Amino acid sequence: MSSQYYTIRQEDTSSLPQSQAKLLSISWAQYSEEWNSSLHTHNHAELFFVVGGQGSFQLQDRQFSVSSRDLVVINAGVPHAELSQSGSPMEYIVLGVDSLEVLASACGYVQSHFYTGWDEIASCLRLMLQEVRGSQPGHQYICQHLLEVILLRLLRRDDLVLTAPYADRRSSRECDLVRRYIDDHFKENLTLDQLAALAHINKYYLVHTFRKEYGISPISYQISRRIQESRMLLTSTDFNLSQIAQILGFSSLSYFSQSFRRLEGMSPMEYRKRNRPAAK
């Protein structure tokens, strides 16, 4: 006989965003001739999980393509519309979540692709739909706990930083100032000394509090913002890799390629080939 025993180490989860996030709605949609989506907003965040087909999202000042296994997080108050590609009808599951936001650019959204871990997320989503459709006693509690499982899974990703909205969290003003500065200047050659001076705190304290607040260091957050922007440049422009690396402030092409592979699980060129719309 063989057996395995694991002790579960207890941690304080009160500061994690999933402990404040509340599931407001869950819906499933698939393209049909009656599909009619126009720009609209919500007073809560939405998490779109694309489970099939292809399409795009329209924001006020930009449009970007999505496909199966993509996640799009739209913050509260951001105008958006979902559009399907007629030859490959888009299907998605969307969660409406209160007291949650994704740290993003001024556009207020983040797009991420699942190269690993998709099946576990999809299983949770299917179970949520099953529970809400059955409306058995306690289904709302099961759905809420499944949301927390999904958010904990998302928190492990390097390309997503989820938090509670500023008004609802015990946030460090210094960390919020630094994060917003990085959002506006992520293409520049920022240093910890520069960021610490901006916030008038010690750089070691900045790293500690920023990581505690957002689950990532300031410099790693800057790199993730650059990689987020690079995905758009790879799919919507003809810039070569060296040009993209230079535009985004990477010191070399190799550093850009290494950072991209670490966060995306593939090379920039492979990402471009997979996600670039086919020429007509």
C-alpha atoms as a PDB file:
ATOM      1  CA  MET A   1       0.000   0.000   0.000  1.00  0.00           C
ATOM      2  CA  SER A   2       1.241   3.494  -0.789  1.00  0.00           C
ATOM      3  CA  SER A   3      -0.180   6.844   0.208  1.00  0.00           C
ATOM      4  CA  GLN A   4       0.585  10.547   0.048  1.00  0.00           C
ATOM      5  CA  TYR A   5      -0.237  13.133   2.683  1.00  0.00           C
ATOM      6  CA  TYR A   6       0.036  16.910   2.296  1.00  0.00           C
ATOM      7  CA  THR A   7      -0.305  19.558   4.968  1.00  0.00           C
ATOM      8  CA  ILE A   8      -2.109  22.690   3.767  1.00  0.00           C
ATOM      9  CA  ARG A   9      -0.336  25.826   4.953  1.00  0.00           C
ATOM     10  CA  GLN A  10      -2.835  28.494   5.976  1.00  0.00           C
ATOM     11  CA  GLU A  11      -2.317  32.038   4.693  1.00  0.00           C
ATOM     12  CA  ASP A  12      -4.047  35.350   5.242  1.00  0.00           C
ATOM     13  CA  THR A  13      -6.196  35.850   2.130  1.00  0.00           C
ATOM     14  CA  SER A  14      -7.913  39.051   3.269  1.00  0.00           C
ATOM     15  CA  SER A  15      -5.681  41.200   1.056  1.00  0.00           C
ATOM     16  CA  LEU A  16      -6.215  39.128  -2.085  1.00  0.00           C
ATOM     17  CA  PRO A  17      -8.717  40.503  -4.614  1.00  0.00           C
ATOM     18  CA  GLN A  18     -10.758  37.321  -4.833  1.00  0.00           C
ATOM     19  CA  SER A  19     -11.745  37.748  -1.169  1.00  0.00           C
ATOM     20  CA  GLN A  20     -13.577  41.000  -2.039  1.00  0.00           C
ATOM     21  CA  ALA A  21     -14.795  40.142  -5.551  1.00  0.00           C
ATOM     22  CA  LYS A  22     -18.499  39.320  -5.855  1.00  0.00           C
ATOM     23  CA  LEU A  23     -20.055  37.401  -8.728  1.00  0.00           C
ATOM     24  CA  LEU A  24     -22.989  39.381 -10.109  1.00  0.00           C
ATOM     25  CA  SER A  25     -23.784  37.452 -13.283  1.00  0.00           C
ATOM     26  CA  ILE A  26     -22.695  34.706 -15.636  1.00  0.00           C
ATOM     27  CA  SER A  27     -23.853  34.407 -19.227  1.00  0.00           C
ATOM     28  CA  TRP A  28     -23.149  32.396 -22.348  1.00  0.00           C
ATOM     29  CA  ALA A  29     -23.404  33.740 -25.893  1.00  0.00           C
ATOM     30  CA  GLN A  30     -22.749  32.476 -29.403  1.00  0.00           C
ATOM     31  CA  TYR A  31     -22.970  34.389 -32.662  1.00  0.00           C
ATOM     32  CA  SER A  32     -26.200  34.193 -34.612  1.00  0.00           C
ATOM     33  CA  GLU A  33     -27.969  36.312 -37.219  1.00  0.00           C
ATOM     34  CA  GLU A  34     -29.697  38.165 -34.369  1.00  0.00           C
ATOM     35  CA  TRP A  35     -26.353  39.215 -32.852  1.00  0.00           C
ATOM     36  CA  ASN A  36     -26.508  42.956 -32.198  1.00  0.00           C
ATOM     37  CA  SER A  37     -23.822  44.472 -30.011  1.00  0.00           C
ATOM     38  CA  SER A  38     -23.164  48.195 -29.669  1.00  0.00           C
ATOM     39  CA  LEU A  39     -20.819  50.128 -27.399  1.00  0.00           C
ATOM     40  CA  HIS A  40     -22.002  49.884 -23.811  1.00  0.00           C
ATOM     41  CA  THR A  41     -20.619  50.091 -20.264  1.00  0.00           C
ATOM     42  CA  HIS A  42     -21.146  48.397 -16.896  1.00  0.00           C
ATOM     43  CA  ASN A  43     -20.560  49.565 -13.341  1.00  0.00           C
ATOM     44  CA  HIS A  44     -18.592  46.365 -12.672  1.00  0.00           C
ATOM     45  CA  ALA A  45     -15.774  44.442 -14.338  1.00  0.00           C
ATOM     46  CA  GLU A  46     -16.442  41.771 -16.972  1.00  0.00           C
ATOM     47  CA  LEU A  47     -14.299  38.709 -17.662  1.00  0.00           C
ATOM     48  CA  PHE A  48     -14.832  37.350 -21.173  1.00  0.00           C
ATOM     49  CA  PHE A  49     -13.620  33.780 -21.750  1.00  0.00           C
ATOM     50  CA  VAL A  50     -13.690  32.970 -25.480  1.00  0.00           C
ATOM     51  CA  VAL A  51     -14.509  29.262 -25.671  1.00  0.00           C
ATOM     52  CA  GLY A  52     -14.869  28.979 -29.446  1.00  0.00           C
ATOM     53  CA  GLY A  53     -14.658  30.747 -32.789  1.00  0.00           C
ATOM     54  CA  GLN A  54     -13.119  34.108 -33.546  1.00  0.00           C
ATOM     55  CA  GLY A  55     -14.155  37.719 -33.278  1.00  0.00           C
ATOM     56  CA  SER A  56     -13.061  41.083 -32.021  1.00  0.00           C
ATOM     57  CA  PHE A  57     -13.700  43.672 -29.327  1.00  0.00           C
ATOM     58  CA  GLN A  58     -14.478  47.266 -30.162  1.00  0.00           C
ATOM     59  CA  LEU A  59     -13.489  50.022 -27.758  1.00  0.00           C
ATOM     60  CA  GLN A  60     -13.922  53.723 -28.331  1.00  0.00           C
ATOM     61  CA  ASP A  61     -10.493  54.196 -29.873  1.00  0.00           C
ATOM     62  CA  ARG A  62      -9.352  50.720 -30.927  1.00  0.00           C
ATOM     63  CA  GLN A  63     -10.376  47.248 -32.036  1.00  0.00           C
ATOM     64  CA  PHE A  64      -8.532  44.001 -31.373  1.00  0.00           C
ATOM     65  CA  SER A  65      -9.014  40.386 -32.442  1.00  0.00           C
ATOM     66  CA  VAL A  66      -9.824  37.479 -30.137  1.00  0.00           C
ATOM     67  CA  SER A  67     -10.014  33.721 -30.579  1.00  0.00           C
ATOM     68  CA  SER A  68     -10.598  30.545 -28.589  1.00  0.00           C
ATOM     69  CA  ARG A  69      -8.804  30.390 -25.208  1.00  0.00           C
ATOM     70  CA  ASP A  70      -8.527  34.173 -25.006  1.00  0.00           C
ATOM     71  CA  LEU A  71      -9.494  36.069 -21.879  1.00  0.00           C
ATOM     72  CA  VAL A  72     -10.483  39.730 -22.046  1.00  0.00           C
ATOM     73  CA  VAL A  73     -10.973  41.659 -18.799  1.00  0.00           C
ATOM     74  CA  ILE A  74     -12.881  44.924 -19.168  1.00  0.00           C
ATOM     75  CA  ASN A  75     -12.870  47.298 -16.208  1.00  0.00           C
ATOM     76  CA  ALA A  76     -15.990  49.058 -14.972  1.00  0.00           C
ATOM     77  CA  GLY A  77     -17.077  52.067 -17.023  1.00  0.00           C
ATOM     78  CA  VAL A  78     -15.108  51.141 -20.174  1.00  0.00           C
ATOM     79  CA  PRO A  79     -17.247  51.317 -23.366  1.00  0.00           C
ATOM     80  CA  HIS A  80     -16.967  48.090 -25.375  1.00  0.00           C
ATOM     81  CA  ALA A  81     -18.775  45.895 -27.879  1.00  0.00           C
ATOM     82  CA  GLU A  82     -18.283  42.276 -28.912  1.00  0.00           C
ATOM     83  CA  LEU A  83     -18.134  41.441 -32.622  1.00  0.00           C
ATOM     84  CA  SER A  84     -18.077  37.962 -34.170  1.00  0.00           C
ATOM     85  CA  GLN A  85     -16.282  36.767 -37.271  1.00  0.00           C
ATOM     86  CA  SER A  86     -18.964  35.447 -39.615  1.00  0.00           C
ATOM     87  CA  GLY A  87     -16.923  32.506 -40.915  1.00  0.00           C
ATOM     88  CA  SER A  88     -16.034  31.317 -37.403  1.00  0.00           C
ATOM     89  CA  PRO A  89     -18.859  32.215 -34.976  1.00  0.00           C
ATOM     90  CA  MET A  90     -17.542  33.418 -31.643  1.00  0.00           C
ATOM     91  CA  GLU A  91     -18.721  31.753 -28.434  1.00  0.00           C
ATOM     92  CA  TYR A  92     -17.900  33.103 -25.014  1.00  0.00           C
ATOM     93  CA  ILE A  93     -18.781  32.942 -21.330  1.00  0.00           C
ATOM     94  CA  VAL A  94     -18.729  36.243 -19.458  1.00  0.00           C
ATOM     95  CA  LEU A  95     -18.619  36.810 -15.717  1.00  0.00           C
ATOM     96  CA  GLY A  96     -19.848  40.086 -14.244  1.00  0.00           C
ATOM     97  CA  VAL A  97     -17.780  40.756 -11.128  1.00  0.00           C
ATOM     98  CA  ASP A  98     -18.059  43.557  -8.589  1.00  0.00           C
ATOM     99  CA  SER A  99     -15.126  44.943  -6.542  1.00  0.00           C
ATOM    100  CA  LEU A 100     -12.513  43.822  -9.051  1.00  0.00           C
ATOM    101  CA  GLU A 101     -10.338  45.539 -11.647  1.00  0.00           C
ATOM    102  CA  VAL A 102      -7.364  44.628 -13.803  1.00  0.00           C
ATOM    103  CA  LEU A 103      -4.345  46.882 -13.815  1.00  0.00           C
ATOM    104  CA  ALA A 104      -4.262  48.092 -17.382  1.00  0.00           C
ATOM    105  CA  SER A 105      -3.424  50.989 -19.634  1.00  0.00           C
ATOM    106  CA  ALA A 106      -5.672  54.009 -20.016  1.00  0.00           C
ATOM    107  CA  CYS A 107      -7.875  51.877 -22.288  1.00  0.00           C
ATOM    108  CA  GLY A 108      -9.063  49.925 -19.248  1.00  0.00           C
ATOM    109  CA  TYR A 109      -8.763  46.367 -20.540  1.00  0.00           C
ATOM    110  CA  VAL A 110      -6.308  43.458 -20.744  1.00  0.00           C
ATOM    111  CA  GLN A 111      -6.225  40.585 -23.229  1.00  0.00           C
ATOM    112  CA  SER A 112      -4.530  37.312 -22.305  1.00  0.00           C
ATOM    113  CA  HIS A 113      -4.251  33.909 -23.995  1.00  0.00           C
ATOM    114  CA  PHE A 114      -4.205  30.535 -22.229  1.00  0.00           C
ATOM    115  CA  TYR A 115      -1.456  28.262 -23.496  1.00  0.00           C
ATOM    116  CA  THR A 116      -1.719  26.176 -20.309  1.00  0.00           C
ATOM    117  CA  GLY A 117      -4.354  25.883 -17.595  1.00  0.00           C
ATOM    118  CA  TRP A 118      -7.338  26.431 -19.887  1.00  0.00           C
ATOM    119  CA  ASP A 119      -9.045  23.101 -19.194  1.00  0.00           C
ATOM    120  CA  GLU A 120      -9.222  23.775 -15.453  1.00  0.00           C
ATOM    121  CA  ILE A 121     -10.720  27.235 -16.010  1.00  0.00           C
ATOM    122  CA  ALA A 122     -13.200  25.866 -18.576  1.00  0.00           C
ATOM    123  CA  SER A 123     -14.311  23.156 -16.129  1.00  0.00           C
ATOM    124  CA  CYS A 124     -15.103  25.783 -13.505  1.00  0.00           C
ATOM    125  CA  LEU A 125     -17.049  27.846 -16.031  1.00  0.00           C
ATOM    126  CA  ARG A 126     -19.088  24.849 -17.188  1.00  0.00           C
ATOM    127  CA  LEU A 127     -19.911  23.943 -13.600  1.00  0.00           C
ATOM    128  CA  MET A 128     -20.969  27.535 -12.897  1.00  0.00           C
ATOM    129  CA  LEU A 129     -23.332  27.458 -15.871  1.00  0.00           C
ATOM    130  CA  GLN A 130     -24.699  24.090 -14.767  1.00  0.00           C
ATOM    131  CA  GLU A 131     -25.342  25.406 -11.261  1.00  0.00           C
ATOM    132  CA  VAL A 132     -27.006  28.652 -12.305  1.00  0.00           C
ATOM    133  CA  ARG A 133     -29.205  26.891 -14.875  1.00  0.00           C
ATOM    134  CA  GLY A 134     -30.332  24.327 -12.306  1.00  0.00           C
ATOM    135  CA  SER A 135     -30.933  26.936  -9.589  1.00  0.00           C
ATOM    136  CA  GLN A 136     -30.706  24.313  -6.868  1.00  0.00           C
ATOM    137  CA  PRO A 137     -30.415  25.493  -3.245  1.00  0.00           C
ATOM    138  CA  GLY A 138     -26.954  26.899  -2.614  1.00  0.00           C
ATOM    139  CA  HIS A 139     -26.069  27.364  -6.276  1.00  0.00           C
ATOM    140  CA  GLN A 140     -25.099  31.005  -5.701  1.00  0.00           C
ATOM    141  CA  TYR A 141     -22.539  29.971  -3.068  1.00  0.00           C
ATOM    142  CA  ILE A 142     -21.042  27.325  -5.337  1.00  0.00           C
ATOM    143  CA  CYS A 143     -20.748  29.864  -8.161  1.00  0.00           C
ATOM    144  CA  GLN A 144     -19.109  32.408  -5.871  1.00  0.00           C
ATOM    145  CA  HIS A 145     -16.544  29.861  -4.688  1.00  0.00           C
ATOM    146  CA  LEU A 146     -15.853  28.801  -8.264  1.00  0.00           C
ATOM    147  CA  LEU A 147     -15.218  32.457  -9.113  1.00  0.00           C
ATOM    148  CA  GLU A 148     -12.657  32.593  -6.313  1.00  0.00           C
ATOM    149  CA  VAL A 149     -10.954  29.475  -7.711  1.00  0.00           C
ATOM    150  CA  ILE A 150     -10.795  31.084 -11.160  1.00  0.00           C
ATOM    151  CA  LEU A 151      -9.373  34.332  -9.771  1.00  0.00           C
ATOM    152  CA  LEU A 152      -6.724  32.492  -7.778  1.00  0.00           C
ATOM    153  CA  ARG A 153      -5.710  30.691 -10.974  1.00  0.00           C
ATOM    154  CA  LEU A 154      -5.515  34.021 -12.806  1.00  0.00           C
ATOM    155  CA  LEU A 155      -3.390  35.536 -10.041  1.00  0.00           C
ATOM    156  CA  ARG A 156      -0.675  32.990 -10.864  1.00  0.00           C
ATOM    157  CA  ARG A 157      -0.259  34.468 -14.330  1.00  0.00           C
ATOM    158  CA  ASP A 158       2.500  36.983 -14.999  1.00  0.00           C
ATOM    159  CA  ASP A 159       0.520  38.943 -17.581  1.00  0.00           C
ATOM    160  CA  LEU A 160      -2.459  39.756 -15.334  1.00  0.00           C
ATOM    161  CA  VAL A 161      -2.555  41.909 -12.218  1.00  0.00           C
ATOM    162  CA  LEU A 162      -5.962  41.800 -10.531  1.00  0.00           C
ATOM    163  CA  THR A 163      -6.879  43.935  -7.573  1.00  0.00           C
ATOM    164  CA  ALA A 164      -9.836  45.513  -5.828  1.00  0.00           C
ATOM    165  CA  PRO A 165     -10.867  48.978  -7.037  1.00  0.00           C
ATOM    166  CA  TYR A 166      -8.968  51.774  -5.351  1.00  0.00           C
ATOM    167  CA  ALA A 167     -11.897  52.997  -3.274  1.00  0.00           C
ATOM    168  CA  ASP A 168     -12.485  49.514  -1.855  1.00  0.00           C
ATOM    169  CA  ARG A 169      -8.968  48.459  -0.900  1.00  0.00           C
ATOM    170  CA  ARG A 170      -6.457  49.435   1.749  1.00  0.00           C
ATOM    171  CA  SER A 171      -4.101  50.653  -0.903  1.00  0.00           C
ATOM    172  CA  SER A 172      -0.729  52.271  -0.472  1.00  0.00           C
ATOM    173  CA  ARG A 173      -0.847  55.691  -2.099  1.00  0.00           C
ATOM    174  CA  GLU A 174       2.816  55.337  -2.949  1.00  0.00           C
ATOM    175  CA  CYS A 175       2.281  52.044  -4.789  1.00  0.00           C
ATOM    176  CA  ASP A 176      -0.697  53.411  -6.671  1.00  0.00           C
ATOM    177  CA  LEU A 177       1.325  56.457  -7.722  1.00  0.00           C
ATOM    178  CA  VAL A 178       4.190  54.266  -8.964  1.00  0.00           C
ATOM    179  CA  ARG A 179       1.855  51.886 -10.796  1.00  0.00           C
ATOM    180  CA  ARG A 180       0.107  54.715 -12.629  1.00  0.00           C
ATOM    181  CA  TYR A 181       3.454  56.296 -13.491  1.00  0.00           C
ATOM    182  CA  ILE A 182       4.637  52.987 -14.994  1.00  0.00           C
ATOM    183  CA  ASP A 183       1.402  52.746 -17.011  1.00  0.00           C
ATOM    184  CA  ASP A 184       2.163  56.143 -18.549  1.00  0.00           C
ATOM    185  CA  HIS A 185       5.941  55.657 -19.012  1.00  0.00           C
ATOM    186  CA  PHE A 186       6.478  51.906 -19.431  1.00  0.00           C
ATOM    187  CA  LYS A 187       8.431  52.404 -22.685  1.00  0.00           C
ATOM    188  CA  GLU A 188      11.050  54.486 -20.884  1.00  0.00           C
ATOM    189  CA  ASN A 189      14.149  53.225 -19.090  1.00  0.00           C
ATOM    190  CA  LEU A 190      12.758  53.291 -15.554  1.00  0.00           C
ATOM    191  CA  THR A 191      14.828  52.324 -12.510  1.00  0.00           C
ATOM    192  CA  LEU A 192      13.889  51.428  -8.947  1.00  0.00           C
ATOM    193  CA  ASP A 193      15.809  54.457  -7.713  1.00  0.00           C
ATOM    194  CA  GLN A 194      13.770  56.713 -10.003  1.00  0.00           C
ATOM    195  CA  LEU A 195      10.440  55.154  -8.963  1.00  0.00           C
ATOM    196  CA  ALA A 196      11.332  55.261  -5.275  1.00  0.00           C
ATOM    197  CA  ALA A 197      12.299  58.918  -5.548  1.00  0.00           C
ATOM    198  CA  LEU A 198       8.979  59.624  -7.255  1.00  0.00           C
ATOM    199  CA  ALA A 199       7.119  58.115  -4.289  1.00  0.00           C
ATOM    200  CA  HIS A 200       9.578  59.505  -1.689  1.00  0.00           C
ATOM    201  CA  ILE A 201      10.244  56.081  -0.167  1.00  0.00           C
ATOM    202  CA  ASN A 202      13.158  53.651   0.075  1.00  0.00           C
ATOM    203  CA  LYS A 203      13.493  51.454  -3.020  1.00  0.00           C
ATOM    204  CA  TYR A 204      13.612  48.237  -0.963  1.00  0.00           C
ATOM    205  CA  TYR A 205      10.424  49.238   0.821  1.00  0.00           C
ATOM    206  CA  LEU A 206       8.869  50.067  -2.553  1.00  0.00           C
ATOM    207  CA  VAL A 207       9.607  46.580  -3.916  1.00  0.00           C
ATOM    208  CA  HIS A 208       8.187  44.964  -0.767  1.00  0.00           C
ATOM    209  CA  THR A 209       4.965  47.001  -0.633  1.00  0.00           C
ATOM    210  CA  PHE A 210       4.386  46.959  -4.404  1.00  0.00           C
ATOM    211  CA  ARG A 211       4.723  43.168  -4.483  1.00  0.00           C
ATOM    212  CA  LYS A 212       2.417  42.848  -1.471  1.00  0.00           C
ATOM    213  CA  GLU A 213      -0.142  45.163  -3.095  1.00  0.00           C
ATOM    214  CA  TYR A 214      -0.079  43.796  -6.655  1.00  0.00           C
ATOM    215  CA  GLY A 215       1.682  40.426  -6.462  1.00  0.00           C
ATOM    216  CA  ILE A 216       4.524  41.558  -8.748  1.00  0.00           C
ATOM    217  CA  SER A 217       7.601  43.787  -8.515  1.00  0.00           C
ATOM    218  CA  PRO A 218       7.593  47.266 -10.124  1.00  0.00           C
ATOM    219  CA  ILE A 219      10.103  46.304 -12.815  1.00  0.00           C
ATOM    220  CA  SER A 220       8.299  43.032 -13.583  1.00  0.00           C
ATOM    221  CA  TYR A 221       5.082  45.003 -13.894  1.00  0.00           C
ATOM    222  CA  GLN A 222       6.770  47.356 -16.364  1.00  0.00           C
ATOM    223  CA  ILE A 223       7.929  44.374 -18.438  1.00  0.00           C
ATOM    224  CA  SER A 224       4.433  42.876 -18.416  1.00  0.00           C
ATOM    225  CA  ARG A 225       3.032  46.188 -19.692  1.00  0.00           C
ATOM    226  CA  ARG A 226       5.604  46.186 -22.501  1.00  0.00           C
ATOM    227  CA  ILE A 227       4.722  42.619 -23.462  1.00  0.00           C
ATOM    228  CA  GLN A 228       1.026  43.501 -23.395  1.00  0.00           C
ATOM    229  CA  GLU A 229       1.701  46.320 -25.859  1.00  0.00           C
ATOM    230  CA  SER A 230       3.939  44.102 -27.985  1.00  0.00           C
ATOM    231  CA  ARG A 231       1.068  41.697 -28.640  1.00  0.00           C
ATOM    232  CA  MET A 232      -0.848  44.508 -30.309  1.00  0.00           C
ATOM    233  CA  LEU A 233       2.187  45.572 -32.367  1.00  0.00           C
ATOM    234  CA  LEU A 234       2.859  41.992 -33.472  1.00  0.00           C
ATOM    235  CA  THR A 235      -0.668  41.434 -34.750  1.00  0.00           C
ATOM    236  CA  SER A 236      -1.603  44.841 -36.147  1.00  0.00           C
ATOM    237  CA  THR A 237       1.631  46.313 -37.576  1.00  0.00           C
ATOM    238  CA  ASP A 238       4.425  45.330 -39.961  1.00  0.00           C
ATOM    239  CA  PHE A 239       7.231  46.349 -37.602  1.00  0.00           C
ATOM    240  CA  ASN A 240       9.975  43.737 -37.366  1.00  0.00           C
ATOM    241  CA  LEU A 241      11.027  42.357 -33.983  1.00  0.00           C
ATOM    242  CA  SER A 242      13.998  44.688 -33.617  1.00  0.00           C
ATOM    243  CA  GLN A 243      11.770  47.709 -34.254  1.00  0.00           C
ATOM    244  CA  ILE A 244       9.183  46.516 -31.735  1.00  0.00           C
ATOM    245  CA  ALA A 245      11.882  45.914 -29.122  1.00  0.00           C
ATOM    246  CA  GLN A 246      13.193  49.441 -29.682  1.00  0.00           C
ATOM    247  CA  ILE A 247       9.731  51.048 -29.607  1.00  0.00           C
ATOM    248  CA  LEU A 248       8.949  49.391 -26.277  1.00  0.00           C
ATOM    249  CA  GLY A 249      12.266  50.318 -24.674  1.00  0.00           C
ATOM    250  CA  PHE A 250      13.915  46.897 -24.465  1.00  0.00           C
ATOM    251  CA  SER A 251      17.696  47.125 -24.334  1.00  0.00           C
ATOM    252  CA  SER A 252      18.097  44.397 -26.950  1.00  0.00           C
ATOM    253  CA  LEU A 253      16.131  42.079 -29.209  1.00  0.00           C
ATOM    254  CA  SER A 254      17.260  39.059 -27.201  1.00  0.00           C
ATOM    255  CA  TYR A 255      15.947  40.587 -23.956  1.00  0.00           C
ATOM    256  CA  PHE A 256      12.607  41.290 -25.626  1.00  0.00           C
ATOM    257  CA  SER A 257      12.410  37.730 -27.004  1.00  0.00           C
ATOM    258  CA  GLN A 258      13.339  36.181 -23.648  1.00  0.00           C
ATOM    259  CA  SER A 259      10.784  38.298 -21.770  1.00  0.00           C
ATOM    260  CA  PHE A 260       8.066  37.539 -24.322  1.00  0.00           C
ATOM    261  CA  ARG A 261       8.717  33.788 -24.218  1.00  0.00           C
ATOM    262  CA  ARG A 262       8.689  33.766 -20.413  1.00  0.00           C
ATOM    263  CA  LEU A 263       5.289  35.502 -20.230  1.00  0.00           C
ATOM    264  CA  GLU A 264       3.593  34.115 -23.344  1.00  0.00           C
ATOM    265  CA  GLY A 265       5.097  30.639 -23.612  1.00  0.00           C
ATOM    266  CA  MET A 266       6.268  31.141 -27.195  1.00  0.00           C
ATOM    267  CA  SER A 267       8.510  33.379 -29.274  1.00  0.00           C
ATOM    268  CA  PRO A 268       7.256  36.738 -30.603  1.00  0.00           C
ATOM    269  CA  MET A 269       7.431  35.456 -34.185  1.00  0.00           C
ATOM    270  CA  GLU A 270       5.391  32.358 -33.345  1.00  0.00           C
ATOM    271  CA  TYR A 271       2.792  34.572 -31.633  1.00  0.00           C
ATOM    272  CA  ARG A 272       2.613  36.775 -34.739  1.00  0.00           C
ATOM    273  CA  LYS A 273       2.091  33.768 -37.016  1.00  0.00           C
ATOM    274  CA  ARG A 274      -0.656  32.351 -34.788  1.00  0.00           C
ATOM    275  CA  ASN A 275      -2.575  35.548 -34.219  1.00  0.00           C
ATOM    276  CA  ARG A 276      -2.067  37.676 -37.309  1.00  0.00           C
ATOM    277  CA  PRO A 277      -5.185  37.830 -39.496  1.00  0.00           C
ATOM    278  CA  ALA A 278      -4.709  35.981 -42.772  1.00  0.00           C
ATOM    279  CA  ALA A 279      -4.132  38.258 -45.749  1.00  0.00           C
ATOM    280  CA  LYS A 280      -7.087  38.443 -48.113  1.00  0.00           C
END
